[in-house]
Amino acid sequence: MKFKTTAPAEPDINLIPFIDVLLVILIFLMLTTTWSKFNEMNLSLPSANSQQSSSTPQTWVVSVNAQGMYAVNGAKLEGKTPQDIGTALSSMNKSDATLLIKADASASHQAVVNVLEAARMQGISKISFATQNASGNNLTKP
């Protein structure tokens, strides 16, 4: 006698509740996320309103013009590398003297960083920047 055998039933996966749960999670994340807008900072450098320091025992001045040329105490430098500036600053008394950086407002950031790197290589720790008063054209040392 032949018995009729039934094939095992295929499992049925219902996707509708799964999609409903994912949709609720998506809506929750969209409502709780903070959307921040990154703005570009508008900077106008340099200007400051600070008082001049009262005593400076010895000040070495490094000037940087808009083209990236350097001068140490009025003497123009031929090179533009931190090593060239460091050579010019090598005779500076590092314990008492202050390095004053006078950079043109339109000088590149890299030109000023080169002066800072030269000061670091020479072990100079007293560094100040010359700025203009916001109301006038007088140079001040912060």
C-alpha atoms as a PDB file:
ATOM      1  CA  MET A   1       0.000   0.000   0.000  1.00  0.00           C
ATOM      2  CA  LYS A   2       1.251   3.443  -0.875  1.00  0.00           C
ATOM      3  CA  PHE A   3       0.911   6.033   1.772  1.00  0.00           C
ATOM      4  CA  LYS A   4       0.862   9.620   0.737  1.00  0.00           C
ATOM      5  CA  THR A   5       3.718  11.483   2.374  1.00  0.00           C
ATOM      6  CA  THR A   6       3.454  15.166   2.962  1.00  0.00           C
ATOM      7  CA  ALA A   7       6.449  17.324   2.321  1.00  0.00           C
ATOM      8  CA  PRO A   8       7.667  19.313   5.297  1.00  0.00           C
ATOM      9  CA  ALA A   9       6.279  22.825   5.312  1.00  0.00           C
ATOM     10  CA  GLU A  10       8.668  25.602   4.311  1.00  0.00           C
ATOM     11  CA  PRO A  11       9.171  28.124   7.082  1.00  0.00           C
ATOM     12  CA  ASP A  12       7.445  31.408   6.423  1.00  0.00           C
ATOM     13  CA  ILE A  13       9.217  34.634   7.322  1.00  0.00           C
ATOM     14  CA  ASN A  14       6.956  37.601   7.717  1.00  0.00           C
ATOM     15  CA  LEU A  15       8.908  40.793   6.824  1.00  0.00           C
ATOM     16  CA  ILE A  16       6.181  43.352   7.514  1.00  0.00           C
ATOM     17  CA  PRO A  17       6.780  43.570  11.319  1.00  0.00           C
ATOM     18  CA  PHE A  18      10.552  43.745  10.678  1.00  0.00           C
ATOM     19  CA  ILE A  19      10.081  46.668   8.265  1.00  0.00           C
ATOM     20  CA  ASP A  20       7.759  48.404  10.744  1.00  0.00           C
ATOM     21  CA  VAL A  21      10.362  48.185  13.518  1.00  0.00           C
ATOM     22  CA  LEU A  22      13.128  49.491  11.237  1.00  0.00           C
ATOM     23  CA  LEU A  23      10.925  52.381  10.124  1.00  0.00           C
ATOM     24  CA  VAL A  24      10.227  53.367  13.743  1.00  0.00           C
ATOM     25  CA  ILE A  25      13.966  53.247  14.558  1.00  0.00           C
ATOM     26  CA  LEU A  26      14.747  55.361  11.478  1.00  0.00           C
ATOM     27  CA  ILE A  27      12.153  57.984  12.420  1.00  0.00           C
ATOM     28  CA  PHE A  28      13.448  58.068  16.000  1.00  0.00           C
ATOM     29  CA  LEU A  29      17.036  58.626  14.810  1.00  0.00           C
ATOM     30  CA  MET A  30      15.975  61.340  12.374  1.00  0.00           C
ATOM     31  CA  LEU A  31      14.084  63.230  15.068  1.00  0.00           C
ATOM     32  CA  THR A  32      16.784  63.002  17.736  1.00  0.00           C
ATOM     33  CA  THR A  33      19.811  63.788  15.576  1.00  0.00           C
ATOM     34  CA  THR A  34      21.113  67.323  15.819  1.00  0.00           C
ATOM     35  CA  TRP A  35      21.974  68.708  12.443  1.00  0.00           C
ATOM     36  CA  SER A  36      24.799  71.166  12.877  1.00  0.00           C
ATOM     37  CA  LYS A  37      25.993  73.552  10.248  1.00  0.00           C
ATOM     38  CA  PHE A  38      29.718  74.235  10.124  1.00  0.00           C
ATOM     39  CA  ASN A  39      30.460  77.862   9.395  1.00  0.00           C
ATOM     40  CA  GLU A  40      33.688  79.323   8.158  1.00  0.00           C
ATOM     41  CA  MET A  41      35.318  81.672  10.620  1.00  0.00           C
ATOM     42  CA  ASN A  42      35.904  85.183   9.375  1.00  0.00           C
ATOM     43  CA  LEU A  43      39.182  86.442  10.802  1.00  0.00           C
ATOM     44  CA  SER A  44      40.859  89.792  10.482  1.00  0.00           C
ATOM     45  CA  LEU A  45      44.378  89.694  11.906  1.00  0.00           C
ATOM     46  CA  PRO A  46      46.344  91.265  13.524  1.00  0.00           C
ATOM     47  CA  SER A  47      44.867  93.904  15.850  1.00  0.00           C
ATOM     48  CA  ALA A  48      44.826  94.109  19.622  1.00  0.00           C
ATOM     49  CA  ASN A  49      43.967  96.457  22.446  1.00  0.00           C
ATOM     50  CA  SER A  50      46.613  95.727  25.016  1.00  0.00           C
ATOM     51  CA  GLN A  51      48.971  97.807  27.087  1.00  0.00           C
ATOM     52  CA  GLN A  52      52.639  98.068  26.228  1.00  0.00           C
ATOM     53  CA  SER A  53      54.953  96.179  28.509  1.00  0.00           C
ATOM     54  CA  SER A  54      56.867  98.453  30.870  1.00  0.00           C
ATOM     55  CA  SER A  55      60.379  97.032  30.665  1.00  0.00           C
ATOM     56  CA  THR A  56      62.187  95.134  27.964  1.00  0.00           C
ATOM     57  CA  PRO A  57      65.867  94.505  28.667  1.00  0.00           C
ATOM     58  CA  GLN A  58      66.793  93.584  25.097  1.00  0.00           C
ATOM     59  CA  THR A  59      64.475  93.122  22.166  1.00  0.00           C
ATOM     60  CA  TRP A  60      65.339  91.502  18.876  1.00  0.00           C
ATOM     61  CA  VAL A  61      62.933  92.367  16.088  1.00  0.00           C
ATOM     62  CA  VAL A  62      62.158  89.982  13.247  1.00  0.00           C
ATOM     63  CA  SER A  63      60.131  91.645  10.499  1.00  0.00           C
ATOM     64  CA  VAL A  64      58.139  89.697   7.934  1.00  0.00           C
ATOM     65  CA  ASN A  65      56.742  91.526   4.911  1.00  0.00           C
ATOM     66  CA  ALA A  66      53.808  90.501   2.715  1.00  0.00           C
ATOM     67  CA  GLN A  67      56.108  88.743   0.231  1.00  0.00           C
ATOM     68  CA  GLY A  68      57.621  86.541   2.959  1.00  0.00           C
ATOM     69  CA  MET A  69      60.998  88.306   3.164  1.00  0.00           C
ATOM     70  CA  TYR A  70      62.643  88.555   6.603  1.00  0.00           C
ATOM     71  CA  ALA A  71      64.718  91.180   8.405  1.00  0.00           C
ATOM     72  CA  VAL A  72      66.390  90.792  11.816  1.00  0.00           C
ATOM     73  CA  ASN A  73      66.914  94.117  13.620  1.00  0.00           C
ATOM     74  CA  GLY A  74      66.634  95.921  10.277  1.00  0.00           C
ATOM     75  CA  ALA A  75      69.159  93.719   8.434  1.00  0.00           C
ATOM     76  CA  LYS A  76      67.530  91.922   5.510  1.00  0.00           C
ATOM     77  CA  LEU A  77      68.000  88.158   5.244  1.00  0.00           C
ATOM     78  CA  GLU A  78      68.601  86.434   1.935  1.00  0.00           C
ATOM     79  CA  GLY A  79      67.164  83.038   2.902  1.00  0.00           C
ATOM     80  CA  LYS A  80      63.591  82.159   3.763  1.00  0.00           C
ATOM     81  CA  THR A  81      64.133  78.945   5.727  1.00  0.00           C
ATOM     82  CA  PRO A  82      63.981  78.587   9.524  1.00  0.00           C
ATOM     83  CA  GLN A  83      67.686  77.660   9.482  1.00  0.00           C
ATOM     84  CA  ASP A  84      68.571  81.002   7.843  1.00  0.00           C
ATOM     85  CA  ILE A  85      66.556  82.907  10.438  1.00  0.00           C
ATOM     86  CA  GLY A  86      68.055  80.795  13.225  1.00  0.00           C
ATOM     87  CA  THR A  87      71.561  81.656  12.039  1.00  0.00           C
ATOM     88  CA  ALA A  88      70.711  85.361  12.265  1.00  0.00           C
ATOM     89  CA  LEU A  89      69.309  84.849  15.790  1.00  0.00           C
ATOM     90  CA  SER A  90      72.227  82.730  17.019  1.00  0.00           C
ATOM     91  CA  SER A  91      74.031  85.652  18.694  1.00  0.00           C
ATOM     92  CA  MET A  92      70.938  86.591  20.701  1.00  0.00           C
ATOM     93  CA  ASN A  93      71.109  86.345  24.509  1.00  0.00           C
ATOM     94  CA  LYS A  94      68.452  83.673  24.985  1.00  0.00           C
ATOM     95  CA  SER A  95      67.930  84.106  28.733  1.00  0.00           C
ATOM     96  CA  ASP A  96      67.188  87.851  28.868  1.00  0.00           C
ATOM     97  CA  ALA A  97      66.196  88.946  25.393  1.00  0.00           C
ATOM     98  CA  THR A  98      62.734  89.014  23.912  1.00  0.00           C
ATOM     99  CA  LEU A  99      61.981  88.176  20.298  1.00  0.00           C
ATOM    100  CA  LEU A 100      59.449  90.588  18.787  1.00  0.00           C
ATOM    101  CA  ILE A 101      57.804  89.404  15.581  1.00  0.00           C
ATOM    102  CA  LYS A 102      56.478  92.195  13.359  1.00  0.00           C
ATOM    103  CA  ALA A 103      54.555  90.485  10.583  1.00  0.00           C
ATOM    104  CA  ASP A 104      52.577  92.201   7.882  1.00  0.00           C
ATOM    105  CA  ALA A 105      48.847  91.491   8.153  1.00  0.00           C
ATOM    106  CA  SER A 106      48.878  89.963   4.680  1.00  0.00           C
ATOM    107  CA  ALA A 107      52.013  87.864   5.303  1.00  0.00           C
ATOM    108  CA  SER A 108      51.486  84.153   4.945  1.00  0.00           C
ATOM    109  CA  HIS A 109      50.962  82.056   8.031  1.00  0.00           C
ATOM    110  CA  GLN A 110      53.898  79.868   6.987  1.00  0.00           C
ATOM    111  CA  ALA A 111      56.255  82.864   7.079  1.00  0.00           C
ATOM    112  CA  VAL A 112      55.384  83.522  10.727  1.00  0.00           C
ATOM    113  CA  VAL A 113      55.624  79.823  11.588  1.00  0.00           C
ATOM    114  CA  ASN A 114      59.137  79.809  10.078  1.00  0.00           C
ATOM    115  CA  VAL A 115      60.163  82.528  12.556  1.00  0.00           C
ATOM    116  CA  LEU A 116      58.625  80.574  15.440  1.00  0.00           C
ATOM    117  CA  GLU A 117      60.431  77.418  14.312  1.00  0.00           C
ATOM    118  CA  ALA A 118      63.747  79.294  14.147  1.00  0.00           C
ATOM    119  CA  ALA A 119      63.156  80.605  17.677  1.00  0.00           C
ATOM    120  CA  ARG A 120      62.410  77.085  18.899  1.00  0.00           C
ATOM    121  CA  MET A 121      65.586  75.740  17.299  1.00  0.00           C
ATOM    122  CA  GLN A 122      67.620  78.477  19.028  1.00  0.00           C
ATOM    123  CA  GLY A 123      65.956  77.874  22.413  1.00  0.00           C
ATOM    124  CA  ILE A 124      64.249  81.275  22.555  1.00  0.00           C
ATOM    125  CA  SER A 125      61.218  81.192  24.812  1.00  0.00           C
ATOM    126  CA  LYS A 126      60.277  84.876  25.237  1.00  0.00           C
ATOM    127  CA  ILE A 127      58.362  85.712  22.066  1.00  0.00           C
ATOM    128  CA  SER A 128      55.859  88.490  21.465  1.00  0.00           C
ATOM    129  CA  PHE A 129      53.972  89.760  18.440  1.00  0.00           C
ATOM    130  CA  ALA A 130      53.647  93.388  17.391  1.00  0.00           C
ATOM    131  CA  THR A 131      50.084  94.396  16.591  1.00  0.00           C
ATOM    132  CA  GLN A 132      48.195  97.562  15.786  1.00  0.00           C
ATOM    133  CA  ASN A 133      45.626  99.124  18.049  1.00  0.00           C
ATOM    134  CA  ALA A 134      42.169  98.625  16.677  1.00  0.00           C
ATOM    135  CA  SER A 135      41.612 102.424  16.764  1.00  0.00           C
ATOM    136  CA  GLY A 136      45.034 103.618  15.576  1.00  0.00           C
ATOM    137  CA  ASN A 137      48.195 102.736  13.762  1.00  0.00           C
ATOM    138  CA  ASN A 138      50.553 102.559  16.761  1.00  0.00           C
ATOM    139  CA  LEU A 139      52.515  99.353  17.162  1.00  0.00           C
ATOM    140  CA  THR A 140      52.201  97.741  20.542  1.00  0.00           C
ATOM    141  CA  LYS A 141      53.898  94.797  22.191  1.00  0.00           C
ATOM    142  CA  PRO A 142      51.519  92.561  24.143  1.00  0.00           C
END
